[in-house]
Amino acid sequence: MSLSIIAAVGAKRELGKKGGLCFNIPNDMKFFRKTTMGHPVFMGLSTWYSLPGRLKGRDHYVAVFERTELPDFITQVTDIQAFAKEWAEKEEELFVIGGASIYAQMLPYCDKLYLTEVEAEDPEAEVFFPRFNKRNYHRKTVGRNSDGDLSYKHVVYTKKAAPKQ
């Protein structure tokens, strides 16, 4: 249980638009901060550039195609598959925080998905969370909330154990 995804998704799996998030949910940002605090985070380069800066209390891993000029506190990852396999063996939980391409590549390796399921759609969405078979996961709602006009629930999907051969 060392690789997890965390994301806020709209009713049609919407994630982002115009280089940012589809939904501005202050209480969900608090959930994100509380859930990921003290754990390393892994993201794509575009996600890193979209952040206001360093996420305090978390080690940063960023996927890059080639070595890039980034702050010293970032560990650059050039082989996502090798990185995922390495982390799958660790006890420490690492959170995959985006974007869509990174979610899609990491999904097969992740045992848990912390999804904020927003009960709204964004017709301007340009980026979507990858499809996954929910029957392969145990689903547990861990909270319901609303911010302004947006209602949402925090759901944890835990991958079911593979049948024994």
N, C-alpha and C. Protein backbone atom coordinates (compact mmCIF):
# COMPACT_ATOMS: atom_id res chain seq x y z
N MET A 1 0.83 -1.19 0.00
CA MET A 1 0.00 0.00 0.00
C MET A 1 0.87 1.25 0.00
N SER A 2 1.70 1.35 -0.95
CA SER A 2 2.59 2.50 -0.88
C SER A 2 2.34 3.55 -1.95
N LEU A 3 1.51 3.26 -2.92
CA LEU A 3 1.20 4.24 -3.96
C LEU A 3 -0.28 4.57 -3.94
N SER A 4 -0.58 5.86 -3.84
CA SER A 4 -1.97 6.32 -3.81
C SER A 4 -2.14 7.51 -4.74
N ILE A 5 -3.34 7.66 -5.23
CA ILE A 5 -3.70 8.82 -6.05
C ILE A 5 -4.63 9.69 -5.23
N ILE A 6 -4.48 11.00 -5.39
CA ILE A 6 -5.43 11.93 -4.78
C ILE A 6 -5.82 12.95 -5.84
N ALA A 7 -7.14 13.17 -5.99
CA ALA A 7 -7.64 14.08 -7.02
C ALA A 7 -9.06 14.51 -6.70
N ALA A 8 -9.43 15.67 -7.23
CA ALA A 8 -10.82 16.12 -7.19
C ALA A 8 -11.36 15.99 -8.61
N VAL A 9 -12.46 15.27 -8.77
CA VAL A 9 -13.01 15.00 -10.10
C VAL A 9 -14.48 15.41 -10.17
N GLY A 10 -14.86 15.93 -11.31
CA GLY A 10 -16.24 16.30 -11.54
C GLY A 10 -17.08 15.08 -11.88
N ALA A 11 -18.36 15.31 -12.08
CA ALA A 11 -19.30 14.23 -12.36
C ALA A 11 -18.96 13.46 -13.63
N LYS A 12 -18.24 14.11 -14.55
CA LYS A 12 -17.81 13.45 -15.79
C LYS A 12 -16.30 13.28 -15.82
N ARG A 13 -15.68 13.12 -14.64
CA ARG A 13 -14.25 12.89 -14.46
C ARG A 13 -13.40 14.12 -14.76
N GLU A 14 -13.99 15.31 -14.78
CA GLU A 14 -13.25 16.52 -15.07
C GLU A 14 -12.18 16.78 -14.00
N LEU A 15 -11.01 17.17 -14.48
CA LEU A 15 -9.90 17.53 -13.59
C LEU A 15 -9.50 19.00 -13.75
N GLY A 16 -9.22 19.40 -14.99
CA GLY A 16 -8.62 20.71 -15.17
C GLY A 16 -9.03 21.42 -16.44
N LYS A 17 -8.69 22.72 -16.44
CA LYS A 17 -8.90 23.58 -17.61
C LYS A 17 -7.95 24.77 -17.51
N LYS A 18 -7.48 25.24 -18.63
CA LYS A 18 -6.64 26.43 -18.71
C LYS A 18 -5.47 26.38 -17.73
N GLY A 19 -4.87 25.20 -17.56
CA GLY A 19 -3.70 25.06 -16.70
C GLY A 19 -4.00 25.03 -15.21
N GLY A 20 -5.26 24.97 -14.84
CA GLY A 20 -5.63 24.93 -13.42
C GLY A 20 -6.69 23.87 -13.17
N LEU A 21 -7.25 23.89 -11.99
CA LEU A 21 -8.28 22.94 -11.61
C LEU A 21 -9.65 23.39 -12.10
N CYS A 22 -10.54 22.45 -12.31
CA CYS A 22 -11.91 22.79 -12.71
C CYS A 22 -12.69 23.41 -11.56
N PHE A 23 -12.42 22.92 -10.36
CA PHE A 23 -13.24 23.33 -9.22
C PHE A 23 -12.36 23.95 -8.14
N ASN A 24 -12.76 25.13 -7.66
CA ASN A 24 -12.06 25.79 -6.57
C ASN A 24 -12.81 25.49 -5.28
N ILE A 25 -12.26 24.56 -4.49
CA ILE A 25 -12.95 24.08 -3.29
C ILE A 25 -12.00 24.22 -2.09
N PRO A 26 -12.07 25.33 -1.38
CA PRO A 26 -11.14 25.56 -0.26
C PRO A 26 -11.10 24.42 0.76
N ASN A 27 -12.25 23.86 1.12
CA ASN A 27 -12.24 22.77 2.11
C ASN A 27 -11.60 21.50 1.54
N ASP A 28 -11.67 21.31 0.24
CA ASP A 28 -11.00 20.16 -0.36
C ASP A 28 -9.50 20.37 -0.34
N MET A 29 -9.04 21.61 -0.49
CA MET A 29 -7.60 21.88 -0.38
C MET A 29 -7.11 21.53 1.03
N LYS A 30 -7.93 21.78 2.03
CA LYS A 30 -7.57 21.41 3.40
C LYS A 30 -7.48 19.89 3.53
N PHE A 31 -8.43 19.18 2.90
CA PHE A 31 -8.41 17.72 2.90
C PHE A 31 -7.14 17.22 2.23
N PHE A 32 -6.79 17.81 1.09
CA PHE A 32 -5.58 17.45 0.36
C PHE A 32 -4.35 17.65 1.25
N ARG A 33 -4.26 18.82 1.86
CA ARG A 33 -3.11 19.14 2.71
C ARG A 33 -3.01 18.16 3.89
N LYS A 34 -4.12 17.91 4.55
CA LYS A 34 -4.13 17.00 5.71
C LYS A 34 -3.76 15.57 5.30
N THR A 35 -4.30 15.11 4.17
CA THR A 35 -4.08 13.74 3.73
C THR A 35 -2.64 13.51 3.26
N THR A 36 -2.07 14.48 2.57
CA THR A 36 -0.73 14.30 1.99
C THR A 36 0.40 14.76 2.91
N MET A 37 0.09 15.51 3.96
CA MET A 37 1.13 16.06 4.84
C MET A 37 2.02 14.95 5.39
N GLY A 38 3.32 15.16 5.28
CA GLY A 38 4.29 14.19 5.79
C GLY A 38 4.58 13.06 4.84
N HIS A 39 3.93 13.05 3.68
CA HIS A 39 4.13 12.00 2.68
C HIS A 39 4.75 12.62 1.43
N PRO A 40 5.56 11.87 0.71
CA PRO A 40 6.07 12.38 -0.56
C PRO A 40 4.96 12.49 -1.59
N VAL A 41 5.13 13.44 -2.52
CA VAL A 41 4.15 13.64 -3.60
C VAL A 41 4.86 13.52 -4.94
N PHE A 42 4.14 12.96 -5.92
CA PHE A 42 4.67 12.76 -7.26
C PHE A 42 3.74 13.42 -8.25
N MET A 43 4.31 14.16 -9.20
CA MET A 43 3.49 14.91 -10.15
C MET A 43 4.22 15.07 -11.47
N GLY A 44 3.47 15.50 -12.47
CA GLY A 44 4.06 15.87 -13.74
C GLY A 44 4.58 17.28 -13.69
N LEU A 45 5.35 17.65 -14.68
CA LEU A 45 5.97 18.97 -14.73
C LEU A 45 4.92 20.08 -14.80
N SER A 46 3.86 19.88 -15.58
CA SER A 46 2.81 20.90 -15.67
C SER A 46 2.13 21.12 -14.33
N THR A 47 1.92 20.04 -13.59
CA THR A 47 1.32 20.18 -12.26
C THR A 47 2.26 20.97 -11.35
N TRP A 48 3.56 20.66 -11.41
CA TRP A 48 4.52 21.41 -10.60
C TRP A 48 4.44 22.90 -10.92
N TYR A 49 4.42 23.24 -12.21
CA TYR A 49 4.37 24.66 -12.60
C TYR A 49 3.05 25.32 -12.19
N SER A 50 1.99 24.55 -12.02
CA SER A 50 0.70 25.13 -11.64
C SER A 50 0.60 25.42 -10.14
N LEU A 51 1.51 24.86 -9.35
CA LEU A 51 1.48 25.06 -7.90
C LEU A 51 2.00 26.45 -7.55
N PRO A 52 1.56 26.97 -6.41
CA PRO A 52 2.07 28.28 -5.99
C PRO A 52 3.52 28.21 -5.48
N GLY A 53 4.02 27.00 -5.30
CA GLY A 53 5.38 26.82 -4.79
C GLY A 53 5.49 25.47 -4.11
N ARG A 54 6.52 25.35 -3.29
CA ARG A 54 6.77 24.10 -2.56
C ARG A 54 5.61 23.77 -1.62
N LEU A 55 5.24 22.50 -1.59
CA LEU A 55 4.23 22.03 -0.64
C LEU A 55 4.98 21.63 0.62
N LYS A 56 4.87 22.45 1.64
CA LYS A 56 5.64 22.22 2.87
C LYS A 56 5.29 20.89 3.50
N GLY A 57 6.31 20.25 4.08
CA GLY A 57 6.11 19.00 4.79
C GLY A 57 6.01 17.79 3.90
N ARG A 58 6.38 17.93 2.62
CA ARG A 58 6.30 16.83 1.67
C ARG A 58 7.51 16.86 0.76
N ASP A 59 8.09 15.68 0.52
CA ASP A 59 9.15 15.57 -0.49
C ASP A 59 8.49 15.58 -1.86
N HIS A 60 9.17 16.21 -2.83
CA HIS A 60 8.62 16.38 -4.17
C HIS A 60 9.36 15.54 -5.19
N TYR A 61 8.60 14.79 -5.98
CA TYR A 61 9.13 14.03 -7.12
C TYR A 61 8.37 14.52 -8.34
N VAL A 62 9.11 14.87 -9.40
CA VAL A 62 8.48 15.41 -10.60
C VAL A 62 8.94 14.62 -11.82
N ALA A 63 7.98 14.18 -12.62
CA ALA A 63 8.28 13.45 -13.86
C ALA A 63 8.74 14.44 -14.92
N VAL A 64 9.88 14.13 -15.53
CA VAL A 64 10.43 14.97 -16.61
C VAL A 64 10.91 14.05 -17.73
N PHE A 65 10.87 14.54 -18.97
CA PHE A 65 11.38 13.75 -20.09
C PHE A 65 12.90 13.78 -20.13
N GLU A 66 13.45 14.92 -19.75
CA GLU A 66 14.90 15.06 -19.67
C GLU A 66 15.19 16.00 -18.51
N ARG A 67 16.38 15.91 -17.98
CA ARG A 67 16.73 16.75 -16.82
C ARG A 67 16.41 18.21 -17.13
N THR A 68 15.77 18.84 -16.18
CA THR A 68 15.25 20.19 -16.34
C THR A 68 15.74 21.05 -15.18
N GLU A 69 15.80 22.32 -15.38
CA GLU A 69 16.19 23.25 -14.30
C GLU A 69 15.02 23.37 -13.34
N LEU A 70 15.15 22.75 -12.18
CA LEU A 70 14.12 22.79 -11.14
C LEU A 70 14.79 23.05 -9.81
N PRO A 71 14.05 23.50 -8.81
CA PRO A 71 14.65 23.73 -7.49
C PRO A 71 15.30 22.46 -6.94
N ASP A 72 16.31 22.65 -6.10
CA ASP A 72 17.09 21.53 -5.56
C ASP A 72 16.27 20.54 -4.73
N PHE A 73 15.17 21.00 -4.14
CA PHE A 73 14.39 20.10 -3.28
C PHE A 73 13.54 19.11 -4.08
N ILE A 74 13.54 19.22 -5.40
CA ILE A 74 12.76 18.32 -6.25
C ILE A 74 13.65 17.20 -6.76
N THR A 75 13.15 15.97 -6.63
CA THR A 75 13.81 14.82 -7.24
C THR A 75 13.16 14.60 -8.60
N GLN A 76 13.98 14.64 -9.66
CA GLN A 76 13.46 14.47 -11.01
C GLN A 76 13.39 12.99 -11.36
N VAL A 77 12.27 12.59 -11.95
CA VAL A 77 12.02 11.20 -12.32
C VAL A 77 11.93 11.12 -13.84
N THR A 78 12.83 10.37 -14.47
CA THR A 78 12.80 10.25 -15.93
C THR A 78 12.20 8.92 -16.39
N ASP A 79 12.09 7.94 -15.50
CA ASP A 79 11.52 6.64 -15.85
C ASP A 79 10.35 6.36 -14.89
N ILE A 80 9.15 6.69 -15.34
CA ILE A 80 7.96 6.58 -14.47
C ILE A 80 7.69 5.14 -14.07
N GLN A 81 7.83 4.21 -15.00
CA GLN A 81 7.56 2.81 -14.70
C GLN A 81 8.52 2.27 -13.64
N ALA A 82 9.80 2.55 -13.77
CA ALA A 82 10.79 2.10 -12.78
C ALA A 82 10.51 2.75 -11.43
N PHE A 83 10.15 4.03 -11.44
CA PHE A 83 9.82 4.75 -10.21
C PHE A 83 8.62 4.09 -9.52
N ALA A 84 7.58 3.78 -10.29
CA ALA A 84 6.37 3.16 -9.73
C ALA A 84 6.69 1.79 -9.14
N LYS A 85 7.47 1.00 -9.84
CA LYS A 85 7.82 -0.33 -9.34
C LYS A 85 8.64 -0.23 -8.06
N GLU A 86 9.56 0.74 -8.01
CA GLU A 86 10.37 0.94 -6.81
C GLU A 86 9.49 1.32 -5.61
N TRP A 87 8.57 2.26 -5.82
CA TRP A 87 7.72 2.70 -4.72
C TRP A 87 6.70 1.64 -4.31
N ALA A 88 6.32 0.78 -5.23
CA ALA A 88 5.35 -0.28 -4.89
C ALA A 88 5.89 -1.21 -3.83
N GLU A 89 7.21 -1.27 -3.69
CA GLU A 89 7.86 -2.14 -2.70
C GLU A 89 8.05 -1.46 -1.35
N LYS A 90 7.80 -0.16 -1.27
CA LYS A 90 8.06 0.59 -0.05
C LYS A 90 6.84 0.60 0.85
N GLU A 91 7.09 0.78 2.14
CA GLU A 91 6.00 0.89 3.12
C GLU A 91 5.42 2.30 3.14
N GLU A 92 6.26 3.28 2.88
CA GLU A 92 5.84 4.68 2.95
C GLU A 92 4.85 4.99 1.83
N GLU A 93 3.76 5.66 2.17
CA GLU A 93 2.76 6.02 1.19
C GLU A 93 3.18 7.25 0.41
N LEU A 94 3.15 7.15 -0.90
CA LEU A 94 3.44 8.27 -1.80
C LEU A 94 2.14 8.64 -2.50
N PHE A 95 1.90 9.94 -2.62
CA PHE A 95 0.68 10.42 -3.27
C PHE A 95 0.97 10.96 -4.66
N VAL A 96 0.25 10.43 -5.64
CA VAL A 96 0.31 10.92 -7.00
C VAL A 96 -0.72 12.06 -7.07
N ILE A 97 -0.26 13.28 -7.44
CA ILE A 97 -1.14 14.44 -7.36
C ILE A 97 -1.45 15.07 -8.72
N GLY A 98 -1.09 14.40 -9.81
CA GLY A 98 -1.48 14.91 -11.12
C GLY A 98 -0.31 15.14 -12.04
N GLY A 99 -0.62 15.46 -13.23
CA GLY A 99 -1.90 15.63 -13.89
C GLY A 99 -2.43 14.34 -14.50
N ALA A 100 -3.31 14.53 -15.46
CA ALA A 100 -4.06 13.41 -16.04
C ALA A 100 -3.16 12.33 -16.62
N SER A 101 -2.12 12.72 -17.33
CA SER A 101 -1.21 11.74 -17.93
C SER A 101 -0.49 10.93 -16.85
N ILE A 102 -0.07 11.59 -15.80
CA ILE A 102 0.60 10.91 -14.68
C ILE A 102 -0.39 9.99 -13.98
N TYR A 103 -1.61 10.46 -13.75
CA TYR A 103 -2.63 9.58 -13.15
C TYR A 103 -2.80 8.32 -13.99
N ALA A 104 -2.92 8.48 -15.30
CA ALA A 104 -3.15 7.34 -16.19
C ALA A 104 -1.98 6.35 -16.13
N GLN A 105 -0.75 6.87 -16.10
CA GLN A 105 0.42 6.00 -16.07
C GLN A 105 0.60 5.31 -14.71
N MET A 106 0.20 5.98 -13.65
CA MET A 106 0.41 5.45 -12.30
C MET A 106 -0.75 4.60 -11.79
N LEU A 107 -1.93 4.76 -12.36
CA LEU A 107 -3.12 4.06 -11.89
C LEU A 107 -2.92 2.55 -11.71
N PRO A 108 -2.29 1.83 -12.65
CA PRO A 108 -2.12 0.39 -12.45
C PRO A 108 -1.28 0.02 -11.23
N TYR A 109 -0.45 0.94 -10.76
CA TYR A 109 0.45 0.66 -9.63
C TYR A 109 -0.13 1.09 -8.28
N CYS A 110 -1.21 1.85 -8.31
CA CYS A 110 -1.76 2.44 -7.08
C CYS A 110 -2.79 1.52 -6.43
N ASP A 111 -2.66 1.38 -5.12
CA ASP A 111 -3.58 0.56 -4.35
C ASP A 111 -4.76 1.34 -3.80
N LYS A 112 -4.59 2.67 -3.71
CA LYS A 112 -5.66 3.51 -3.16
C LYS A 112 -5.86 4.73 -4.03
N LEU A 113 -7.12 5.13 -4.13
CA LEU A 113 -7.49 6.37 -4.81
C LEU A 113 -8.30 7.20 -3.82
N TYR A 114 -7.82 8.37 -3.49
CA TYR A 114 -8.55 9.32 -2.65
C TYR A 114 -9.18 10.33 -3.60
N LEU A 115 -10.45 10.12 -3.89
CA LEU A 115 -11.12 10.99 -4.86
C LEU A 115 -12.15 11.87 -4.19
N THR A 116 -12.06 13.16 -4.46
CA THR A 116 -13.12 14.08 -4.09
C THR A 116 -14.06 14.09 -5.27
N GLU A 117 -15.23 13.52 -5.08
CA GLU A 117 -16.20 13.40 -6.17
C GLU A 117 -17.16 14.59 -6.09
N VAL A 118 -16.95 15.54 -7.00
CA VAL A 118 -17.72 16.77 -7.03
C VAL A 118 -19.03 16.51 -7.77
N GLU A 119 -20.12 16.95 -7.18
CA GLU A 119 -21.44 16.73 -7.76
C GLU A 119 -21.79 17.88 -8.69
N ALA A 120 -20.90 18.08 -9.68
CA ALA A 120 -21.10 19.15 -10.67
C ALA A 120 -20.29 18.78 -11.92
N GLU A 121 -20.61 19.46 -13.01
CA GLU A 121 -19.88 19.27 -14.26
C GLU A 121 -19.26 20.60 -14.66
N ASP A 122 -18.17 20.52 -15.40
CA ASP A 122 -17.54 21.71 -15.95
C ASP A 122 -17.43 21.53 -17.46
N PRO A 123 -18.30 22.18 -18.23
CA PRO A 123 -18.30 22.02 -19.68
C PRO A 123 -17.02 22.54 -20.35
N GLU A 124 -16.23 23.33 -19.63
CA GLU A 124 -14.98 23.86 -20.19
C GLU A 124 -13.78 22.96 -19.90
N ALA A 125 -14.01 21.84 -19.21
CA ALA A 125 -12.90 20.95 -18.84
C ALA A 125 -12.13 20.50 -20.07
N GLU A 126 -10.81 20.47 -19.91
CA GLU A 126 -9.92 20.03 -20.98
C GLU A 126 -9.15 18.77 -20.60
N VAL A 127 -9.12 18.49 -19.30
CA VAL A 127 -8.33 17.38 -18.78
C VAL A 127 -9.23 16.52 -17.89
N PHE A 128 -9.11 15.19 -18.05
CA PHE A 128 -10.02 14.29 -17.36
C PHE A 128 -9.25 13.19 -16.63
N PHE A 129 -9.83 12.74 -15.54
CA PHE A 129 -9.26 11.61 -14.79
C PHE A 129 -9.46 10.34 -15.62
N PRO A 130 -8.47 9.44 -15.60
CA PRO A 130 -8.61 8.23 -16.42
C PRO A 130 -9.76 7.34 -15.93
N ARG A 131 -10.36 6.64 -16.86
CA ARG A 131 -11.40 5.67 -16.50
C ARG A 131 -10.75 4.51 -15.76
N PHE A 132 -11.46 3.97 -14.78
CA PHE A 132 -10.99 2.78 -14.07
C PHE A 132 -12.20 1.95 -13.70
N ASN A 133 -12.00 0.67 -13.53
CA ASN A 133 -13.09 -0.25 -13.23
C ASN A 133 -13.35 -0.23 -11.72
N LYS A 134 -14.40 0.43 -11.33
CA LYS A 134 -14.71 0.58 -9.90
C LYS A 134 -15.04 -0.75 -9.23
N ARG A 135 -15.38 -1.77 -10.02
CA ARG A 135 -15.66 -3.09 -9.44
C ARG A 135 -14.39 -3.74 -8.87
N ASN A 136 -13.23 -3.24 -9.27
CA ASN A 136 -11.96 -3.78 -8.77
C ASN A 136 -11.52 -3.13 -7.46
N TYR A 137 -12.39 -2.29 -6.89
CA TYR A 137 -12.04 -1.54 -5.68
C TYR A 137 -13.16 -1.63 -4.65
N HIS A 138 -12.75 -1.58 -3.39
CA HIS A 138 -13.69 -1.36 -2.30
C HIS A 138 -13.87 0.15 -2.21
N ARG A 139 -15.10 0.61 -2.03
CA ARG A 139 -15.40 2.04 -2.01
C ARG A 139 -15.88 2.43 -0.62
N LYS A 140 -15.28 3.46 -0.07
CA LYS A 140 -15.69 3.94 1.25
C LYS A 140 -15.79 5.47 1.24
N THR A 141 -16.98 5.98 1.52
CA THR A 141 -17.16 7.42 1.64
C THR A 141 -16.68 7.84 3.02
N VAL A 142 -15.73 8.77 3.07
CA VAL A 142 -15.14 9.19 4.34
C VAL A 142 -15.57 10.59 4.75
N GLY A 143 -16.38 11.24 3.93
CA GLY A 143 -16.88 12.56 4.28
C GLY A 143 -17.71 13.16 3.17
N ARG A 144 -18.64 14.02 3.58
CA ARG A 144 -19.46 14.79 2.64
C ARG A 144 -19.36 16.24 3.06
N ASN A 145 -19.40 17.13 2.06
CA ASN A 145 -19.25 18.53 2.39
C ASN A 145 -19.77 19.38 1.25
N SER A 146 -19.77 20.68 1.45
CA SER A 146 -20.08 21.60 0.37
C SER A 146 -19.32 22.90 0.61
N ASP A 147 -18.99 23.54 -0.47
CA ASP A 147 -18.36 24.86 -0.47
C ASP A 147 -19.16 25.70 -1.44
N GLY A 148 -19.84 26.69 -0.92
CA GLY A 148 -20.68 27.50 -1.80
C GLY A 148 -21.74 26.64 -2.44
N ASP A 149 -21.79 26.67 -3.76
CA ASP A 149 -22.79 25.90 -4.51
C ASP A 149 -22.34 24.48 -4.82
N LEU A 150 -21.10 24.14 -4.49
CA LEU A 150 -20.58 22.82 -4.83
C LEU A 150 -20.73 21.83 -3.68
N SER A 151 -21.36 20.71 -3.98
CA SER A 151 -21.43 19.60 -3.02
C SER A 151 -20.47 18.52 -3.50
N TYR A 152 -19.88 17.82 -2.56
CA TYR A 152 -18.92 16.78 -2.92
C TYR A 152 -18.78 15.80 -1.78
N LYS A 153 -18.16 14.66 -2.10
CA LYS A 153 -17.86 13.67 -1.07
C LYS A 153 -16.43 13.19 -1.26
N HIS A 154 -15.79 12.88 -0.16
CA HIS A 154 -14.45 12.28 -0.18
C HIS A 154 -14.64 10.77 -0.16
N VAL A 155 -14.10 10.10 -1.18
CA VAL A 155 -14.25 8.67 -1.31
C VAL A 155 -12.87 8.04 -1.44
N VAL A 156 -12.66 6.95 -0.70
CA VAL A 156 -11.41 6.20 -0.82
C VAL A 156 -11.73 4.88 -1.49
N TYR A 157 -11.07 4.64 -2.62
CA TYR A 157 -11.17 3.38 -3.33
C TYR A 157 -9.91 2.58 -3.00
N THR A 158 -10.10 1.37 -2.47
CA THR A 158 -8.97 0.50 -2.15
C THR A 158 -9.04 -0.71 -3.06
N LYS A 159 -7.95 -0.97 -3.75
CA LYS A 159 -7.91 -2.07 -4.72
C LYS A 159 -8.16 -3.40 -4.02
N LYS A 160 -9.04 -4.19 -4.60
CA LYS A 160 -9.32 -5.52 -4.06
C LYS A 160 -8.12 -6.42 -4.33
N ALA A 161 -7.89 -7.36 -3.45
CA ALA A 161 -6.80 -8.31 -3.63
C ALA A 161 -7.09 -9.17 -4.85
N ALA A 162 -6.07 -9.48 -5.59
CA ALA A 162 -6.23 -10.36 -6.76
C ALA A 162 -6.59 -11.75 -6.28
N PRO A 163 -7.47 -12.43 -7.00
CA PRO A 163 -7.82 -13.81 -6.61
C PRO A 163 -6.59 -14.69 -6.60
N LYS A 164 -6.53 -15.58 -5.62
CA LYS A 164 -5.38 -16.49 -5.52
C LYS A 164 -5.51 -17.60 -6.55
N GLN A 165 -4.40 -17.93 -7.15
CA GLN A 165 -4.37 -18.97 -8.19
C GLN A 165 -4.13 -20.33 -7.58
